[in-house]
Each structure stands twice: as C-alpha cells, then as structure tokens.
Amino acid sequence: MIALLLGIVFVLFAVYSILPFSWSLNWWNEVLAFLKGGIPIFALLVGAVSVFVGIADIKDKIEAKKEELEEDEKTETKQNEQ
C-alpha cells in the first residue's frame, strides 16, 4: 500500500514538474535535454548487451554441436564393440 501511494506521489510530481504553466516547475526543457543525452547511452548499453548475448549464443551452439558429435562417437564405439 505504501509503495502504491509513493508511486502515485512520484507520478504526480513528475507531471507537475514538466507542465508548461507558470505555477509549475516547468522542467520540460531539462527533461528533454536529459532524454536526448540518455537515448544514445541507452542504445550503446542495449547494443553491447546484445553483442555479448549473441556471442554467448554462438558459443553455446558450437558447444552443443561438439557434445552431439561426442555422443555420436560414443554410440558408434558401443555399436562396434557389440
């Protein structure tokens, strides 16, 4: 319940602070500047994480192929022994 009330207070403060009226804080320009500066940073972080996930996925696929080949070799060895 406290989290809900706190969330509502923060949302109301955010709306109040960017309203373009003389009685509000009128921070819209600062918020816009922050967003303009933050979007490239966010894109960089998302891109870096995507690259790391892609590399890990490729490594996992290579490892899975190696394990599959090893299992096939073991199966062939067992069949040849019989």
PDB file of N, CA and C in Angstrom:
ATOM      1  N   MET A   1       0.819  -1.186   0.000  1.00  0.00           N
ATOM      2  CA  MET A   1       0.000   0.000   0.000  1.00  0.00           C
ATOM      3  C   MET A   1       0.870   1.260   0.000  1.00  0.00           C
ATOM      4  N   ILE A   2       1.949   1.227   0.780  1.00  0.00           N
ATOM      5  CA  ILE A   2       2.849   2.375   0.831  1.00  0.00           C
ATOM      6  C   ILE A   2       3.525   2.564  -0.526  1.00  0.00           C
ATOM      7  N   ALA A   3       3.895   1.461  -1.164  1.00  0.00           N
ATOM      8  CA  ALA A   3       4.539   1.547  -2.472  1.00  0.00           C
ATOM      9  C   ALA A   3       3.593   2.168  -3.495  1.00  0.00           C
ATOM     10  N   LEU A   4       2.321   1.805  -3.443  1.00  0.00           N
ATOM     11  CA  LEU A   4       1.336   2.367  -4.356  1.00  0.00           C
ATOM     12  C   LEU A   4       1.194   3.873  -4.143  1.00  0.00           C
ATOM     13  N   LEU A   5       1.078   4.284  -2.898  1.00  0.00           N
ATOM     14  CA  LEU A   5       0.953   5.707  -2.599  1.00  0.00           C
ATOM     15  C   LEU A   5       2.208   6.476  -3.004  1.00  0.00           C
ATOM     16  N   LEU A   6       3.352   5.911  -2.725  1.00  0.00           N
ATOM     17  CA  LEU A   6       4.605   6.547  -3.107  1.00  0.00           C
ATOM     18  C   LEU A   6       4.710   6.662  -4.626  1.00  0.00           C
ATOM     19  N   GLY A   7       4.294   5.622  -5.326  1.00  0.00           N
ATOM     20  CA  GLY A   7       4.303   5.656  -6.787  1.00  0.00           C
ATOM     21  C   GLY A   7       3.395   6.739  -7.328  1.00  0.00           C
ATOM     22  N   ILE A   8       2.219   6.877  -6.752  1.00  0.00           N
ATOM     23  CA  ILE A   8       1.283   7.918  -7.190  1.00  0.00           C
ATOM     24  C   ILE A   8       1.872   9.306  -6.928  1.00  0.00           C
ATOM     25  N   VAL A   9       2.492   9.483  -5.787  1.00  0.00           N
ATOM     26  CA  VAL A   9       3.116  10.772  -5.463  1.00  0.00           C
ATOM     27  C   VAL A   9       4.209  11.102  -6.473  1.00  0.00           C
ATOM     28  N   PHE A  10       5.042  10.133  -6.817  1.00  0.00           N
ATOM     29  CA  PHE A  10       6.117  10.376  -7.775  1.00  0.00           C
ATOM     30  C   PHE A  10       5.581  10.682  -9.172  1.00  0.00           C
ATOM     31  N   VAL A  11       4.544   9.978  -9.591  1.00  0.00           N
ATOM     32  CA  VAL A  11       3.944  10.253 -10.899  1.00  0.00           C
ATOM     33  C   VAL A  11       3.358  11.663 -10.917  1.00  0.00           C
ATOM     34  N   LEU A  12       2.651  12.032  -9.873  1.00  0.00           N
ATOM     35  CA  LEU A  12       2.079  13.370  -9.811  1.00  0.00           C
ATOM     36  C   LEU A  12       3.166  14.444  -9.810  1.00  0.00           C
ATOM     37  N   PHE A  13       4.250  14.209  -9.073  1.00  0.00           N
ATOM     38  CA  PHE A  13       5.355  15.165  -9.065  1.00  0.00           C
ATOM     39  C   PHE A  13       5.983  15.286 -10.450  1.00  0.00           C
ATOM     40  N   ALA A  14       6.148  14.156 -11.138  1.00  0.00           N
ATOM     41  CA  ALA A  14       6.741  14.187 -12.474  1.00  0.00           C
ATOM     42  C   ALA A  14       5.869  14.985 -13.435  1.00  0.00           C
ATOM     43  N   VAL A  15       4.575  14.756 -13.385  1.00  0.00           N
ATOM     44  CA  VAL A  15       3.666  15.503 -14.257  1.00  0.00           C
ATOM     45  C   VAL A  15       3.688  16.982 -13.886  1.00  0.00           C
ATOM     46  N   TYR A  16       3.639  17.295 -12.598  1.00  0.00           N
ATOM     47  CA  TYR A  16       3.668  18.689 -12.135  1.00  0.00           C
ATOM     48  C   TYR A  16       4.942  19.404 -12.586  1.00  0.00           C
ATOM     49  N   SER A  17       6.064  18.695 -12.541  1.00  0.00           N
ATOM     50  CA  SER A  17       7.331  19.358 -12.824  1.00  0.00           C
ATOM     51  C   SER A  17       7.554  19.627 -14.306  1.00  0.00           C
ATOM     52  N   ILE A  18       6.825  18.964 -15.197  1.00  0.00           N
ATOM     53  CA  ILE A  18       7.036  19.223 -16.623  1.00  0.00           C
ATOM     54  C   ILE A  18       5.901  20.008 -17.275  1.00  0.00           C
ATOM     55  N   LEU A  19       4.882  20.349 -16.521  1.00  0.00           N
ATOM     56  CA  LEU A  19       3.774  21.111 -17.095  1.00  0.00           C
ATOM     57  C   LEU A  19       4.236  22.501 -17.541  1.00  0.00           C
ATOM     58  N   PRO A  20       3.740  22.973 -18.680  1.00  0.00           N
ATOM     59  CA  PRO A  20       4.193  24.272 -19.190  1.00  0.00           C
ATOM     60  C   PRO A  20       3.384  25.455 -18.648  1.00  0.00           C
ATOM     61  N   PHE A  21       3.140  25.494 -17.366  1.00  0.00           N
ATOM     62  CA  PHE A  21       2.399  26.595 -16.754  1.00  0.00           C
ATOM     63  C   PHE A  21       3.319  27.373 -15.826  1.00  0.00           C
ATOM     64  N   SER A  22       2.955  28.611 -15.558  1.00  0.00           N
ATOM     65  CA  SER A  22       3.797  29.451 -14.715  1.00  0.00           C
ATOM     66  C   SER A  22       3.832  28.976 -13.266  1.00  0.00           C
ATOM     67  N   TRP A  23       2.802  28.272 -12.802  1.00  0.00           N
ATOM     68  CA  TRP A  23       2.750  27.807 -11.419  1.00  0.00           C
ATOM     69  C   TRP A  23       3.451  26.464 -11.210  1.00  0.00           C
ATOM     70  N   SER A  24       3.945  25.844 -12.287  1.00  0.00           N
ATOM     71  CA  SER A  24       4.652  24.564 -12.122  1.00  0.00           C
ATOM     72  C   SER A  24       6.162  24.812 -12.193  1.00  0.00           C
ATOM     73  N   LEU A  25       6.916  23.764 -12.009  1.00  0.00           N
ATOM     74  CA  LEU A  25       8.381  23.880 -12.053  1.00  0.00           C
ATOM     75  C   LEU A  25       8.897  24.120 -13.457  1.00  0.00           C
ATOM     76  N   ASN A  26       8.122  23.682 -14.462  1.00  0.00           N
ATOM     77  CA  ASN A  26       8.448  23.904 -15.872  1.00  0.00           C
ATOM     78  C   ASN A  26       9.842  23.366 -16.223  1.00  0.00           C
ATOM     79  N   TRP A  27      10.088  22.116 -15.939  1.00  0.00           N
ATOM     80  CA  TRP A  27      11.363  21.460 -16.212  1.00  0.00           C
ATOM     81  C   TRP A  27      11.370  20.728 -17.544  1.00  0.00           C
ATOM     82  N   TRP A  28      10.414  20.971 -18.408  1.00  0.00           N
ATOM     83  CA  TRP A  28      10.310  20.199 -19.642  1.00  0.00           C
ATOM     84  C   TRP A  28      11.586  20.276 -20.471  1.00  0.00           C
ATOM     85  N   ASN A  29      12.192  21.447 -20.595  1.00  0.00           N
ATOM     86  CA  ASN A  29      13.415  21.576 -21.396  1.00  0.00           C
ATOM     87  C   ASN A  29      14.553  20.748 -20.811  1.00  0.00           C
ATOM     88  N   GLU A  30      14.666  20.739 -19.501  1.00  0.00           N
ATOM     89  CA  GLU A  30      15.708  19.934 -18.864  1.00  0.00           C
ATOM     90  C   GLU A  30      15.445  18.441 -19.042  1.00  0.00           C
ATOM     91  N   VAL A  31      14.182  18.057 -18.939  1.00  0.00           N
ATOM     92  CA  VAL A  31      13.821  16.646 -19.141  1.00  0.00           C
ATOM     93  C   VAL A  31      14.112  16.245 -20.577  1.00  0.00           C
ATOM     94  N   LEU A  32      13.778  17.083 -21.508  1.00  0.00           N
ATOM     95  CA  LEU A  32      14.033  16.800 -22.916  1.00  0.00           C
ATOM     96  C   LEU A  32      15.530  16.686 -23.191  1.00  0.00           C
ATOM     97  N   ALA A  33      16.328  17.572 -22.597  1.00  0.00           N
ATOM     98  CA  ALA A  33      17.783  17.502 -22.756  1.00  0.00           C
ATOM     99  C   ALA A  33      18.328  16.205 -22.160  1.00  0.00           C
ATOM    100  N   PHE A  34      17.802  15.816 -21.021  1.00  0.00           N
ATOM    101  CA  PHE A  34      18.231  14.559 -20.399  1.00  0.00           C
ATOM    102  C   PHE A  34      17.897  13.371 -21.289  1.00  0.00           C
ATOM    103  N   LEU A  35      16.698  13.362 -21.862  1.00  0.00           N
ATOM    104  CA  LEU A  35      16.302  12.270 -22.750  1.00  0.00           C
ATOM    105  C   LEU A  35      17.156  12.231 -24.004  1.00  0.00           C
ATOM    106  N   LYS A  36      17.448  13.411 -24.567  1.00  0.00           N
ATOM    107  CA  LYS A  36      18.296  13.461 -25.750  1.00  0.00           C
ATOM    108  C   LYS A  36      19.690  12.923 -25.455  1.00  0.00           C
ATOM    109  N   GLY A  37      20.204  13.208 -24.288  1.00  0.00           N
ATOM    110  CA  GLY A  37      21.525  12.699 -23.915  1.00  0.00           C
ATOM    111  C   GLY A  37      21.493  11.249 -23.479  1.00  0.00           C
ATOM    112  N   GLY A  38      20.350  10.811 -22.953  1.00  0.00           N
ATOM    113  CA  GLY A  38      20.267   9.447 -22.437  1.00  0.00           C
ATOM    114  C   GLY A  38      19.989   8.397 -23.486  1.00  0.00           C
ATOM    115  N   ILE A  39      19.327   8.778 -24.568  1.00  0.00           N
ATOM    116  CA  ILE A  39      18.975   7.793 -25.592  1.00  0.00           C
ATOM    117  C   ILE A  39      20.215   7.169 -26.242  1.00  0.00           C
ATOM    118  N   PRO A  40      21.241   7.931 -26.627  1.00  0.00           N
ATOM    119  CA  PRO A  40      22.441   7.284 -27.179  1.00  0.00           C
ATOM    120  C   PRO A  40      23.150   6.374 -26.168  1.00  0.00           C
ATOM    121  N   ILE A  41      23.169   6.777 -24.917  1.00  0.00           N
ATOM    122  CA  ILE A  41      23.789   5.935 -23.883  1.00  0.00           C
ATOM    123  C   ILE A  41      22.999   4.640 -23.740  1.00  0.00           C
ATOM    124  N   PHE A  42      21.676   4.752 -23.703  1.00  0.00           N
ATOM    125  CA  PHE A  42      20.817   3.570 -23.609  1.00  0.00           C
ATOM    126  C   PHE A  42      21.028   2.658 -24.819  1.00  0.00           C
ATOM    127  N   ALA A  43      21.105   3.242 -26.016  1.00  0.00           N
ATOM    128  CA  ALA A  43      21.325   2.450 -27.224  1.00  0.00           C
ATOM    129  C   ALA A  43      22.679   1.741 -27.167  1.00  0.00           C
ATOM    130  N   LEU A  44      23.684   2.414 -26.653  1.00  0.00           N
ATOM    131  CA  LEU A  44      25.007   1.804 -26.512  1.00  0.00           C
ATOM    132  C   LEU A  44      24.966   0.607 -25.562  1.00  0.00           C
ATOM    133  N   LEU A  45      24.310   0.776 -24.428  1.00  0.00           N
ATOM    134  CA  LEU A  45      24.224  -0.320 -23.459  1.00  0.00           C
ATOM    135  C   LEU A  45      23.434  -1.504 -24.011  1.00  0.00           C
ATOM    136  N   VAL A  46      22.306  -1.227 -24.659  1.00  0.00           N
ATOM    137  CA  VAL A  46      21.499  -2.307 -25.242  1.00  0.00           C
ATOM    138  C   VAL A  46      22.280  -3.011 -26.337  1.00  0.00           C
ATOM    139  N   GLY A  47      22.989  -2.244 -27.155  1.00  0.00           N
ATOM    140  CA  GLY A  47      23.805  -2.842 -28.210  1.00  0.00           C
ATOM    141  C   GLY A  47      24.915  -3.722 -27.660  1.00  0.00           C
ATOM    142  N   ALA A  48      25.586  -3.256 -26.616  1.00  0.00           N
ATOM    143  CA  ALA A  48      26.670  -4.041 -26.011  1.00  0.00           C
ATOM    144  C   ALA A  48      26.133  -5.335 -25.409  1.00  0.00           C
ATOM    145  N   VAL A  49      25.016  -5.255 -24.720  1.00  0.00           N
ATOM    146  CA  VAL A  49      24.423  -6.465 -24.140  1.00  0.00           C
ATOM    147  C   VAL A  49      24.005  -7.424 -25.253  1.00  0.00           C
ATOM    148  N   SER A  50      23.457  -6.899 -26.336  1.00  0.00           N
ATOM    149  CA  SER A  50      23.047  -7.745 -27.457  1.00  0.00           C
ATOM    150  C   SER A  50      24.239  -8.457 -28.078  1.00  0.00           C
ATOM    151  N   VAL A  51      25.353  -7.752 -28.213  1.00  0.00           N
ATOM    152  CA  VAL A  51      26.559  -8.373 -28.757  1.00  0.00           C
ATOM    153  C   VAL A  51      27.033  -9.501 -27.848  1.00  0.00           C
ATOM    154  N   PHE A  52      27.069  -9.251 -26.545  1.00  0.00           N
ATOM    155  CA  PHE A  52      27.508 -10.293 -25.613  1.00  0.00           C
ATOM    156  C   PHE A  52      26.572 -11.494 -25.620  1.00  0.00           C
ATOM    157  N   VAL A  53      25.280 -11.248 -25.706  1.00  0.00           N
ATOM    158  CA  VAL A  53      24.311 -12.353 -25.757  1.00  0.00           C
ATOM    159  C   VAL A  53      24.486 -13.139 -27.050  1.00  0.00           C
ATOM    160  N   GLY A  54      24.704 -12.427 -28.150  1.00  0.00           N
ATOM    161  CA  GLY A  54      24.920 -13.096 -29.431  1.00  0.00           C
ATOM    162  C   GLY A  54      26.168 -13.963 -29.420  1.00  0.00           C
ATOM    163  N   ILE A  55      27.249 -13.445 -28.846  1.00  0.00           N
ATOM    164  CA  ILE A  55      28.495 -14.227 -28.751  1.00  0.00           C
ATOM    165  C   ILE A  55      28.279 -15.450 -27.879  1.00  0.00           C
ATOM    166  N   ALA A  56      27.600 -15.291 -26.757  1.00  0.00           N
ATOM    167  CA  ALA A  56      27.331 -16.428 -25.871  1.00  0.00           C
ATOM    168  C   ALA A  56      26.464 -17.461 -26.574  1.00  0.00           C
ATOM    169  N   ASP A  57      25.502 -17.019 -27.375  1.00  0.00           N
ATOM    170  CA  ASP A  57      24.637 -17.941 -28.105  1.00  0.00           C
ATOM    171  C   ASP A  57      25.438 -18.741 -29.124  1.00  0.00           C
ATOM    172  N   ILE A  58      26.341 -18.071 -29.831  1.00  0.00           N
ATOM    173  CA  ILE A  58      27.183 -18.769 -30.807  1.00  0.00           C
ATOM    174  C   ILE A  58      28.068 -19.794 -30.107  1.00  0.00           C
ATOM    175  N   LYS A  59      28.648 -19.416 -28.973  1.00  0.00           N
ATOM    176  CA  LYS A  59      29.487 -20.353 -28.217  1.00  0.00           C
ATOM    177  C   LYS A  59      28.673 -21.558 -27.745  1.00  0.00           C
ATOM    178  N   ASP A  60      27.446 -21.314 -27.286  1.00  0.00           N
ATOM    179  CA  ASP A  60      26.589 -22.412 -26.841  1.00  0.00           C
ATOM    180  C   ASP A  60      26.259 -23.355 -27.984  1.00  0.00           C
ATOM    181  N   LYS A  61      25.996 -22.825 -29.169  1.00  0.00           N
ATOM    182  CA  LYS A  61      25.686 -23.669 -30.319  1.00  0.00           C
ATOM    183  C   LYS A  61      26.891 -24.516 -30.717  1.00  0.00           C
ATOM    184  N   ILE A  62      28.072 -23.919 -30.685  1.00  0.00           N
ATOM    185  CA  ILE A  62      29.290 -24.668 -31.004  1.00  0.00           C
ATOM    186  C   ILE A  62      29.502 -25.786 -29.978  1.00  0.00           C
ATOM    187  N   GLU A  63      29.312 -25.470 -28.704  1.00  0.00           N
ATOM    188  CA  GLU A  63      29.480 -26.472 -27.646  1.00  0.00           C
ATOM    189  C   GLU A  63      28.454 -27.592 -27.788  1.00  0.00           C
ATOM    190  N   ALA A  64      27.224 -27.254 -28.150  1.00  0.00           N
ATOM    191  CA  ALA A  64      26.190 -28.269 -28.329  1.00  0.00           C
ATOM    192  C   ALA A  64      26.542 -29.191 -29.487  1.00  0.00           C
ATOM    193  N   LYS A  65      27.078 -28.639 -30.566  1.00  0.00           N
ATOM    194  CA  LYS A  65      27.491 -29.471 -31.702  1.00  0.00           C
ATOM    195  C   LYS A  65      28.623 -30.411 -31.302  1.00  0.00           C
ATOM    196  N   LYS A  66      29.579 -29.889 -30.509  1.00  0.00           N
ATOM    197  CA  LYS A  66      30.687 -30.730 -30.052  1.00  0.00           C
ATOM    198  C   LYS A  66      30.165 -31.886 -29.197  1.00  0.00           C
ATOM    199  N   GLU A  67      29.242 -31.581 -28.276  1.00  0.00           N
ATOM    200  CA  GLU A  67      28.681 -32.629 -27.425  1.00  0.00           C
ATOM    201  C   GLU A  67      27.905 -33.648 -28.251  1.00  0.00           C
ATOM    202  N   GLU A  68      27.186 -33.185 -29.258  1.00  0.00           N
ATOM    203  CA  GLU A  68      26.431 -34.098 -30.111  1.00  0.00           C
ATOM    204  C   GLU A  68      27.375 -35.022 -30.877  1.00  0.00           C
ATOM    205  N   LEU A  69      28.468 -34.475 -31.381  1.00  0.00           N
ATOM    206  CA  LEU A  69      29.449 -35.296 -32.082  1.00  0.00           C
ATOM    207  C   LEU A  69      30.090 -36.311 -31.143  1.00  0.00           C
ATOM    208  N   GLU A  70      30.386 -35.896 -29.911  1.00  0.00           N
ATOM    209  CA  GLU A  70      30.970 -36.825 -28.939  1.00  0.00           C
ATOM    210  C   GLU A  70      29.992 -37.959 -28.622  1.00  0.00           C
ATOM    211  N   GLU A  71      28.711 -37.636 -28.474  1.00  0.00           N
ATOM    212  CA  GLU A  71      27.709 -38.668 -28.200  1.00  0.00           C
ATOM    213  C   GLU A  71      27.580 -39.624 -29.380  1.00  0.00           C
ATOM    214  N   ASP A  72      27.632 -39.083 -30.599  1.00  0.00           N
ATOM    215  CA  ASP A  72      27.565 -39.935 -31.785  1.00  0.00           C
ATOM    216  C   ASP A  72      28.763 -40.875 -31.848  1.00  0.00           C
ATOM    217  N   GLU A  73      29.948 -40.365 -31.484  1.00  0.00           N
ATOM    218  CA  GLU A  73      31.155 -41.190 -31.488  1.00  0.00           C
ATOM    219  C   GLU A  73      31.052 -42.292 -30.428  1.00  0.00           C
ATOM    220  N   LYS A  74      30.511 -41.961 -29.257  1.00  0.00           N
ATOM    221  CA  LYS A  74      30.349 -42.963 -28.205  1.00  0.00           C
ATOM    222  C   LYS A  74      29.366 -44.030 -28.641  1.00  0.00           C
ATOM    223  N   THR A  75      28.301 -43.618 -29.293  1.00  0.00           N
ATOM    224  CA  THR A  75      27.295 -44.570 -29.770  1.00  0.00           C
ATOM    225  C   THR A  75      27.902 -45.487 -30.827  1.00  0.00           C
ATOM    226  N   GLU A  76      28.688 -44.928 -31.737  1.00  0.00           N
ATOM    227  CA  GLU A  76      29.346 -45.736 -32.761  1.00  0.00           C
ATOM    228  C   GLU A  76      30.325 -46.718 -32.129  1.00  0.00           C
ATOM    229  N   THR A  77      31.062 -46.260 -31.127  1.00  0.00           N
ATOM    230  CA  THR A  77      32.034 -47.116 -30.446  1.00  0.00           C
ATOM    231  C   THR A  77      31.338 -48.279 -29.764  1.00  0.00           C
ATOM    232  N   LYS A  78      30.219 -48.025 -29.106  1.00  0.00           N
ATOM    233  CA  LYS A  78      29.462 -49.080 -28.430  1.00  0.00           C
ATOM    234  C   LYS A  78      28.897 -50.062 -29.452  1.00  0.00           C
ATOM    235  N   GLN A  79      28.421 -49.557 -30.590  1.00  0.00           N
ATOM    236  CA  GLN A  79      27.871 -50.440 -31.618  1.00  0.00           C
ATOM    237  C   GLN A  79      28.974 -51.296 -32.233  1.00  0.00           C
ATOM    238  N   ASN A  80      30.156 -50.751 -32.411  1.00  0.00           N
ATOM    239  CA  ASN A  80      31.275 -51.503 -32.987  1.00  0.00           C
ATOM    240  C   ASN A  80      31.762 -52.571 -32.015  1.00  0.00           C
ATOM    241  N   GLU A  81      31.653 -52.325 -30.710  1.00  0.00           N
ATOM    242  CA  GLU A  81      32.093 -53.307 -29.718  1.00  0.00           C
ATOM    243  C   GLU A  81      31.157 -54.502 -29.687  1.00  0.00           C
ATOM    244  N   GLN A  82      29.909 -54.292 -30.000  1.00  0.00           N
ATOM    245  CA  GLN A  82      28.931 -55.382 -29.927  1.00  0.00           C
ATOM    246  C   GLN A  82      29.034 -56.161 -31.162  1.00  0.00           C
TER     247      GLN A  82
END
